[in-house]
Amino acid sequence: MERKYPEAIAEFQKALKLDESPYNLASVGHAYAGSGDRVEAEKVLLKLKDMSKQRFVTPYFTAVIEASLGRRNEAIELLEKSYRERVGLLAFLKVDPWFDDLHSEPRFQDLIRRIGL
């Protein structure tokens, strides 16, 4: 898989100008983390957390950035919260490339099993 992070960041920034949705924020945060720009990824994560105080933001999207930053435990905890909240995006968890780095984690595998994937 090609990892064209600078191009992805530029495109997601355009998308954010049109719609500052949790999905777009998670996407740009993931791209920042993947590019090694932890500072910008953390800023986006903070923005998502702040947004969640005003409206519903699925923990799935904050898990994306936590996983991208290498914080596996935090990411899995947020995915567990998503499971408890019955977040529909979990139907894609097994194949979602945002979480590729978590596949070796036993807790992640247990979550996949409990979801029925």
Protein backbone atom coordinates (compact mmCIF):
# COMPACT_ATOMS: atom_id res chain seq x y z
CA MET A 1 0.00 0.00 0.00
CA GLU A 2 1.33 3.41 -0.92
CA ARG A 3 1.42 5.82 1.95
CA LYS A 4 1.11 9.23 0.36
CA TYR A 5 0.56 11.12 3.57
CA PRO A 6 1.33 14.64 2.34
CA GLU A 7 -1.17 14.25 -0.49
CA ALA A 8 -3.75 12.71 1.85
CA ILE A 9 -3.33 15.52 4.38
CA ALA A 10 -3.82 18.14 1.66
CA GLU A 11 -7.00 16.44 0.44
CA PHE A 12 -8.40 15.96 3.94
CA GLN A 13 -7.69 19.63 4.72
CA LYS A 14 -9.82 20.54 1.70
CA ALA A 15 -12.56 18.21 2.93
CA LEU A 16 -12.43 19.77 6.39
CA LYS A 17 -13.03 23.22 4.89
CA LEU A 18 -16.26 21.86 3.43
CA ASP A 19 -17.31 19.70 6.37
CA GLU A 20 -15.54 19.50 9.71
CA SER A 21 -17.09 16.13 10.42
CA PRO A 22 -15.72 13.62 12.91
CA TYR A 23 -14.93 11.29 9.99
CA ASN A 24 -12.86 13.93 8.20
CA LEU A 25 -11.08 14.82 11.42
CA ALA A 26 -10.26 11.16 12.12
CA SER A 27 -8.96 10.81 8.58
CA VAL A 28 -6.64 13.80 8.73
CA GLY A 29 -5.51 12.84 12.25
CA HIS A 30 -4.65 9.37 11.00
CA ALA A 31 -2.70 10.85 8.09
CA TYR A 32 -0.79 13.22 10.37
CA ALA A 33 0.14 10.38 12.69
CA GLY A 34 1.16 8.17 9.78
CA SER A 35 3.37 10.92 8.41
CA GLY A 36 5.11 11.21 11.77
CA ASP A 37 3.56 14.58 12.67
CA ARG A 38 2.46 13.64 16.17
CA VAL A 39 1.88 17.26 17.19
CA GLU A 40 -0.75 17.83 14.50
CA ALA A 41 -2.31 14.41 15.15
CA GLU A 42 -2.64 15.31 18.84
CA LYS A 43 -4.26 18.63 17.91
CA VAL A 44 -6.83 16.83 15.80
CA LEU A 45 -7.47 14.32 18.60
CA LEU A 46 -8.06 17.20 21.02
CA LYS A 47 -10.44 18.81 18.51
CA LEU A 48 -12.43 15.56 18.29
CA LYS A 49 -12.59 15.30 22.07
CA ASP A 50 -13.76 18.92 22.33
CA MET A 51 -16.34 18.33 19.61
CA SER A 52 -17.68 15.35 21.56
CA LYS A 53 -18.64 17.73 24.39
CA GLN A 54 -21.05 19.51 22.04
CA ARG A 55 -22.36 16.62 19.93
CA PHE A 56 -22.09 12.89 19.54
CA VAL A 57 -18.72 11.73 18.25
CA THR A 58 -18.32 7.99 18.09
CA PRO A 59 -15.35 6.75 20.09
CA TYR A 60 -14.48 4.76 16.96
CA PHE A 61 -13.07 7.94 15.41
CA THR A 62 -10.93 8.85 18.41
CA ALA A 63 -9.72 5.23 18.44
CA VAL A 64 -8.48 5.75 14.88
CA ILE A 65 -6.09 8.48 15.94
CA GLU A 66 -5.04 6.72 19.15
CA ALA A 67 -4.17 3.61 17.12
CA SER A 68 -2.32 5.69 14.55
CA LEU A 69 -0.25 7.23 17.34
CA GLY A 70 0.69 3.74 18.52
CA ARG A 71 -1.39 3.91 21.68
CA ARG A 72 -2.88 0.46 21.36
CA ASN A 73 -4.40 0.23 24.82
CA GLU A 74 -6.23 3.54 24.45
CA ALA A 75 -7.45 2.57 20.98
CA ILE A 76 -8.78 -0.79 22.16
CA GLU A 77 -10.50 0.84 25.15
CA LEU A 78 -12.25 3.23 22.76
CA LEU A 79 -13.23 0.35 20.48
CA GLU A 80 -14.63 -1.46 23.53
CA LYS A 81 -16.64 1.67 24.30
CA SER A 82 -17.84 1.65 20.69
CA TYR A 83 -18.91 -1.95 21.19
CA ARG A 84 -20.88 -1.06 24.33
CA GLU A 85 -22.52 1.81 22.42
CA ARG A 86 -23.28 -0.51 19.48
CA VAL A 87 -21.50 1.66 16.93
CA GLY A 88 -22.33 0.40 13.45
CA LEU A 89 -18.84 1.06 12.10
CA LEU A 90 -17.63 -1.94 14.08
CA ALA A 91 -19.07 -4.13 11.32
CA PHE A 92 -15.98 -3.15 9.30
CA LEU A 93 -13.46 -3.50 12.12
CA LYS A 94 -11.81 -6.67 10.85
CA VAL A 95 -11.01 -5.13 7.46
CA ASP A 96 -10.67 -1.45 8.38
CA PRO A 97 -7.08 -0.48 7.48
CA TRP A 98 -7.10 2.17 10.21
CA PHE A 99 -6.69 -0.65 12.71
CA ASP A 100 -4.22 -2.92 10.88
CA ASP A 101 -1.64 -2.44 13.63
CA LEU A 102 -4.02 -3.83 16.24
CA HIS A 103 -4.67 -7.21 14.63
CA SER A 104 -1.98 -8.95 16.70
CA GLU A 105 -3.50 -7.76 19.97
CA PRO A 106 -5.44 -10.49 21.82
CA ARG A 107 -8.00 -7.95 23.10
CA PHE A 108 -8.61 -6.79 19.54
CA GLN A 109 -9.07 -10.39 18.39
CA ASP A 110 -11.48 -10.99 21.27
CA LEU A 111 -13.48 -7.93 20.25
CA ILE A 112 -13.62 -9.19 16.65
CA ARG A 113 -14.91 -12.52 17.96
CA ARG A 114 -17.57 -10.90 20.16
CA ILE A 115 -18.78 -8.76 17.27
CA GLY A 116 -19.15 -11.93 15.24
CA LEU A 117 -16.67 -11.14 12.54
